[in-house]
Amino acid sequence: MQDKCIIRKINEICNISDKYIIKRINEERLPILRNHAPLFYILSGDGTPLLFNEIANIWKISKSSLSDIIVKYENQGLIKKCSCSEDKRSVYISLTPEANIIKEKLYEIEDEFFNLLQKNFDKDQWNTFENDIEKALSNLERML
């Protein structure tokens, strides 16, 4: 019997995506954890810093968790912290050039997965799929 639960199928796509990304992070020997990848996406590749609080808000992560993550990657030379001259309580966070290599590799891994996901779709099928997903997300966002 075919499983008709769409929620289960969506969850399975998410689970497979995570497993694939973890596998590729390990294969590439990237010194980051999968669940920390959003930090590398949030921070600019051109070295432009963001305020610590902005990162916490964008990522929707607690400040204490973010602080621990920042310290971890600062110790690895991937993150740079600078105090704000106007407000000593504020801290700017930016990626180092070494971290940009990781960021680019994460984008490559994401593209690989995206290409695998699209494999048996023609262009019209994929456009329809994307539009339908957008409609479903829009419907759900209106509920909240």
C-alpha atoms as a PDB file:
ATOM      1  CA  MET A   1       0.000   0.000   0.000  1.00  0.00           C
ATOM      2  CA  GLN A   2       1.307   3.420  -0.929  1.00  0.00           C
ATOM      3  CA  ASP A   3       1.926   5.927   1.875  1.00  0.00           C
ATOM      4  CA  LYS A   4      -0.339   8.914   1.254  1.00  0.00           C
ATOM      5  CA  CYS A   5       0.787  11.024   4.220  1.00  0.00           C
ATOM      6  CA  ILE A   6       2.379  14.083   2.626  1.00  0.00           C
ATOM      7  CA  ILE A   7       3.726  15.330   5.965  1.00  0.00           C
ATOM      8  CA  ARG A   8       5.682  12.100   6.390  1.00  0.00           C
ATOM      9  CA  LYS A   9       7.075  12.481   2.861  1.00  0.00           C
ATOM     10  CA  ILE A  10       8.118  16.086   3.491  1.00  0.00           C
ATOM     11  CA  ASN A  11       9.818  14.995   6.719  1.00  0.00           C
ATOM     12  CA  GLU A  12      11.611  12.233   4.843  1.00  0.00           C
ATOM     13  CA  ILE A  13      12.949  14.738   2.311  1.00  0.00           C
ATOM     14  CA  CYS A  14      14.254  16.832   5.218  1.00  0.00           C
ATOM     15  CA  ASN A  15      15.828  13.783   6.883  1.00  0.00           C
ATOM     16  CA  ILE A  16      17.502  12.632   3.677  1.00  0.00           C
ATOM     17  CA  SER A  17      18.727  16.170   3.028  1.00  0.00           C
ATOM     18  CA  ASP A  18      20.313  16.336   6.487  1.00  0.00           C
ATOM     19  CA  LYS A  19      21.932  12.919   6.105  1.00  0.00           C
ATOM     20  CA  TYR A  20      23.303  13.846   2.691  1.00  0.00           C
ATOM     21  CA  ILE A  21      24.723  17.157   3.919  1.00  0.00           C
ATOM     22  CA  ILE A  22      26.284  15.513   7.000  1.00  0.00           C
ATOM     23  CA  LYS A  23      27.827  12.836   4.788  1.00  0.00           C
ATOM     24  CA  ARG A  24      29.274  15.420   2.391  1.00  0.00           C
ATOM     25  CA  ILE A  25      30.542  17.665   5.238  1.00  0.00           C
ATOM     26  CA  ASN A  26      32.389  14.631   6.600  1.00  0.00           C
ATOM     27  CA  GLU A  27      33.705  13.630   3.174  1.00  0.00           C
ATOM     28  CA  GLU A  28      35.000  17.161   2.586  1.00  0.00           C
ATOM     29  CA  ARG A  29      36.444  17.177   6.132  1.00  0.00           C
ATOM     30  CA  LEU A  30      34.843  20.504   6.870  1.00  0.00           C
ATOM     31  CA  PRO A  31      35.471  21.466  10.511  1.00  0.00           C
ATOM     32  CA  ILE A  32      31.851  22.360  11.243  1.00  0.00           C
ATOM     33  CA  LEU A  33      28.730  20.641  12.495  1.00  0.00           C
ATOM     34  CA  ARG A  34      25.695  20.383  10.230  1.00  0.00           C
ATOM     35  CA  ASN A  35      23.492  22.270  12.661  1.00  0.00           C
ATOM     36  CA  HIS A  36      26.020  25.146  12.696  1.00  0.00           C
ATOM     37  CA  ALA A  37      25.937  25.626   8.905  1.00  0.00           C
ATOM     38  CA  PRO A  38      23.310  28.411   9.139  1.00  0.00           C
ATOM     39  CA  LEU A  39      25.934  30.635  10.782  1.00  0.00           C
ATOM     40  CA  PHE A  40      28.073  30.382   7.646  1.00  0.00           C
ATOM     41  CA  TYR A  41      25.066  31.199   5.456  1.00  0.00           C
ATOM     42  CA  ILE A  42      24.018  34.182   7.587  1.00  0.00           C
ATOM     43  CA  LEU A  43      27.427  35.845   7.692  1.00  0.00           C
ATOM     44  CA  SER A  44      28.572  37.608   4.539  1.00  0.00           C
ATOM     45  CA  GLY A  45      31.324  36.139   2.423  1.00  0.00           C
ATOM     46  CA  ASP A  46      32.821  39.588   1.879  1.00  0.00           C
ATOM     47  CA  GLY A  47      33.766  39.972   5.545  1.00  0.00           C
ATOM     48  CA  THR A  48      31.009  42.444   6.370  1.00  0.00           C
ATOM     49  CA  PRO A  49      30.303  41.967  10.080  1.00  0.00           C
ATOM     50  CA  LEU A  50      26.916  41.527  11.698  1.00  0.00           C
ATOM     51  CA  LEU A  51      25.976  42.327  15.250  1.00  0.00           C
ATOM     52  CA  PHE A  52      25.773  39.301  17.534  1.00  0.00           C
ATOM     53  CA  ASN A  53      22.122  40.110  18.336  1.00  0.00           C
ATOM     54  CA  GLU A  54      21.243  40.333  14.634  1.00  0.00           C
ATOM     55  CA  ILE A  55      22.662  36.855  14.043  1.00  0.00           C
ATOM     56  CA  ALA A  56      20.692  35.452  17.001  1.00  0.00           C
ATOM     57  CA  ASN A  57      17.486  37.025  15.640  1.00  0.00           C
ATOM     58  CA  ILE A  58      18.019  35.882  12.055  1.00  0.00           C
ATOM     59  CA  TRP A  59      18.963  32.341  13.102  1.00  0.00           C
ATOM     60  CA  LYS A  60      16.306  32.230  15.841  1.00  0.00           C
ATOM     61  CA  ILE A  61      18.819  30.756  18.293  1.00  0.00           C
ATOM     62  CA  SER A  62      19.395  31.613  21.944  1.00  0.00           C
ATOM     63  CA  LYS A  63      22.190  34.053  22.687  1.00  0.00           C
ATOM     64  CA  SER A  64      23.892  31.550  25.001  1.00  0.00           C
ATOM     65  CA  SER A  65      23.904  28.854  22.298  1.00  0.00           C
ATOM     66  CA  LEU A  66      25.155  31.334  19.712  1.00  0.00           C
ATOM     67  CA  SER A  67      27.889  32.477  22.080  1.00  0.00           C
ATOM     68  CA  ASP A  68      29.134  28.893  22.490  1.00  0.00           C
ATOM     69  CA  ILE A  69      29.099  28.342  18.727  1.00  0.00           C
ATOM     70  CA  ILE A  70      30.937  31.622  18.068  1.00  0.00           C
ATOM     71  CA  VAL A  71      33.649  30.707  20.602  1.00  0.00           C
ATOM     72  CA  LYS A  72      34.086  27.284  18.985  1.00  0.00           C
ATOM     73  CA  TYR A  73      34.663  28.718  15.516  1.00  0.00           C
ATOM     74  CA  GLU A  74      36.654  31.693  16.763  1.00  0.00           C
ATOM     75  CA  ASN A  75      39.068  29.200  18.364  1.00  0.00           C
ATOM     76  CA  GLN A  76      39.349  27.458  14.977  1.00  0.00           C
ATOM     77  CA  GLY A  77      40.138  30.754  13.247  1.00  0.00           C
ATOM     78  CA  LEU A  78      36.908  30.749  11.235  1.00  0.00           C
ATOM     79  CA  ILE A  79      35.089  33.578  13.009  1.00  0.00           C
ATOM     80  CA  LYS A  80      36.311  37.007  14.014  1.00  0.00           C
ATOM     81  CA  LYS A  81      34.774  39.068  16.836  1.00  0.00           C
ATOM     82  CA  CYS A  82      35.146  42.831  17.210  1.00  0.00           C
ATOM     83  CA  SER A  83      33.732  45.130  19.857  1.00  0.00           C
ATOM     84  CA  CYS A  84      31.464  47.906  18.703  1.00  0.00           C
ATOM     85  CA  SER A  85      33.120  51.278  19.331  1.00  0.00           C
ATOM     86  CA  GLU A  86      29.771  53.021  19.987  1.00  0.00           C
ATOM     87  CA  ASP A  87      28.411  50.382  22.380  1.00  0.00           C
ATOM     88  CA  LYS A  88      30.915  48.217  24.236  1.00  0.00           C
ATOM     89  CA  ARG A  89      28.170  45.657  25.003  1.00  0.00           C
ATOM     90  CA  SER A  90      27.689  44.957  21.286  1.00  0.00           C
ATOM     91  CA  VAL A  91      29.942  42.609  19.370  1.00  0.00           C
ATOM     92  CA  TYR A  92      30.407  42.333  15.620  1.00  0.00           C
ATOM     93  CA  ILE A  93      30.908  38.889  14.098  1.00  0.00           C
ATOM     94  CA  SER A  94      32.414  38.129  10.688  1.00  0.00           C
ATOM     95  CA  LEU A  95      33.824  35.217   8.716  1.00  0.00           C
ATOM     96  CA  THR A  96      37.553  34.874   8.165  1.00  0.00           C
ATOM     97  CA  PRO A  97      38.873  34.115   4.669  1.00  0.00           C
ATOM     98  CA  GLU A  98      39.301  30.454   5.738  1.00  0.00           C
ATOM     99  CA  ALA A  99      35.603  30.318   6.616  1.00  0.00           C
ATOM    100  CA  ASN A 100      34.674  31.579   3.146  1.00  0.00           C
ATOM    101  CA  ILE A 101      36.127  28.378   1.697  1.00  0.00           C
ATOM    102  CA  ILE A 102      33.769  26.416   3.961  1.00  0.00           C
ATOM    103  CA  LYS A 103      30.854  28.641   2.998  1.00  0.00           C
ATOM    104  CA  GLU A 104      31.504  28.042  -0.713  1.00  0.00           C
ATOM    105  CA  LYS A 105      31.803  24.284  -0.131  1.00  0.00           C
ATOM    106  CA  LEU A 106      28.450  24.326   1.722  1.00  0.00           C
ATOM    107  CA  TYR A 107      26.861  26.030  -1.286  1.00  0.00           C
ATOM    108  CA  GLU A 108      28.363  23.378  -3.581  1.00  0.00           C
ATOM    109  CA  ILE A 109      26.973  20.594  -1.377  1.00  0.00           C
ATOM    110  CA  GLU A 110      23.567  22.288  -1.364  1.00  0.00           C
ATOM    111  CA  ASP A 111      23.656  22.522  -5.174  1.00  0.00           C
ATOM    112  CA  GLU A 112      24.551  18.809  -5.411  1.00  0.00           C
ATOM    113  CA  PHE A 113      21.542  17.890  -3.304  1.00  0.00           C
ATOM    114  CA  PHE A 114      19.289  20.240  -5.251  1.00  0.00           C
ATOM    115  CA  ASN A 115      20.395  18.636  -8.523  1.00  0.00           C
ATOM    116  CA  LEU A 116      19.676  15.172  -7.115  1.00  0.00           C
ATOM    117  CA  LEU A 117      16.243  16.336  -5.998  1.00  0.00           C
ATOM    118  CA  GLN A 118      15.399  17.637  -9.496  1.00  0.00           C
ATOM    119  CA  LYS A 119      16.824  14.625 -11.353  1.00  0.00           C
ATOM    120  CA  ASN A 120      13.667  13.081 -12.856  1.00  0.00           C
ATOM    121  CA  PHE A 121      11.703  16.290 -13.341  1.00  0.00           C
ATOM    122  CA  ASP A 122      11.444  18.116 -16.625  1.00  0.00           C
ATOM    123  CA  LYS A 123      11.476  21.914 -16.467  1.00  0.00           C
ATOM    124  CA  ASP A 124       7.674  22.290 -16.446  1.00  0.00           C
ATOM    125  CA  GLN A 125       7.240  19.612 -13.771  1.00  0.00           C
ATOM    126  CA  TRP A 126       9.856  21.265 -11.578  1.00  0.00           C
ATOM    127  CA  ASN A 127       8.269  24.713 -11.998  1.00  0.00           C
ATOM    128  CA  THR A 128       4.878  23.282 -11.072  1.00  0.00           C
ATOM    129  CA  PHE A 129       6.390  21.519  -8.041  1.00  0.00           C
ATOM    130  CA  GLU A 130       8.092  24.732  -6.861  1.00  0.00           C
ATOM    131  CA  ASN A 131       4.923  26.780  -7.352  1.00  0.00           C
ATOM    132  CA  ASP A 132       2.833  24.236  -5.469  1.00  0.00           C
ATOM    133  CA  ILE A 133       5.296  24.175  -2.568  1.00  0.00           C
ATOM    134  CA  GLU A 134       5.223  27.992  -2.448  1.00  0.00           C
ATOM    135  CA  LYS A 135       1.401  27.932  -2.364  1.00  0.00           C
ATOM    136  CA  ALA A 136       1.403  25.371   0.451  1.00  0.00           C
ATOM    137  CA  LEU A 137       3.911  27.421   2.466  1.00  0.00           C
ATOM    138  CA  SER A 138       1.888  30.564   1.922  1.00  0.00           C
ATOM    139  CA  ASN A 139      -1.282  28.786   3.116  1.00  0.00           C
ATOM    140  CA  LEU A 140       0.486  27.575   6.254  1.00  0.00           C
ATOM    141  CA  GLU A 141       2.102  30.919   7.034  1.00  0.00           C
ATOM    142  CA  ARG A 142      -1.321  32.578   6.956  1.00  0.00           C
ATOM    143  CA  MET A 143      -2.464  30.125   9.639  1.00  0.00           C
ATOM    144  CA  LEU A 144       0.165  31.218  12.143  1.00  0.00           C
END
